[in-house]
């Protein structure tokens, strides 16, 4: 992934989409290494992580990850999911973070040289085009190594640079066999961090069925 060390960059992480992508290719993402890698290569202004939360559950499996990210250099953006009944009478849960991510990207565009988007969602093509018109380069991180590919073709074509997550595995991934024994966390949480990609909600954050 080409990055000029003088560049100001912002990371936009579509949490559910990145989880799905990493799961599809068997990459266990180490969020501490991810942040350190970009900090070492450029002037990282911010790393934003977006995810929806099911508020009516006493415990959400993603909450420990959210707490850790919040304490360790990430800006976490969440909102509550909404329940509805579809036409066939099935209960579904909707929790799409596209608007929140797009608004933040447009607001920050004038302050950065490059945006790195961790998502393969084709709905972001228009956003990528809009920030490019403001002179911002856009790198999209997803994968074409899975079947089917996790990135929409129109998003891949629009990006200035496409980086396959597989290529970043040595820098951002963790070998499950190297995970240390879990211990109880305080403000950081090695236990859940080791299990982060197995605890995240399923990939499709638009609709979840019972």
Foldseek 3Di string as FASTA:
>chain_A
DDDAQAWEEEEEEAPLQLLQQCVLVVFQFQVLLVVVVVVVRYNYPAYEYEDEDAPVDPDALQVQVVLQCVLRGHHYDYYYWDWDADPVRFIKIFGDCVVVSLVVCVVCLLVTQEYEYEHQDPVCLVSLVVSVVVNHAYEYEGAPPGVNGRHDPSNCVSHPHYDYVVVCRVRTGDDLVPQDDFDCDDSHGSVVSSVNSVRDDHRPNGIDTD
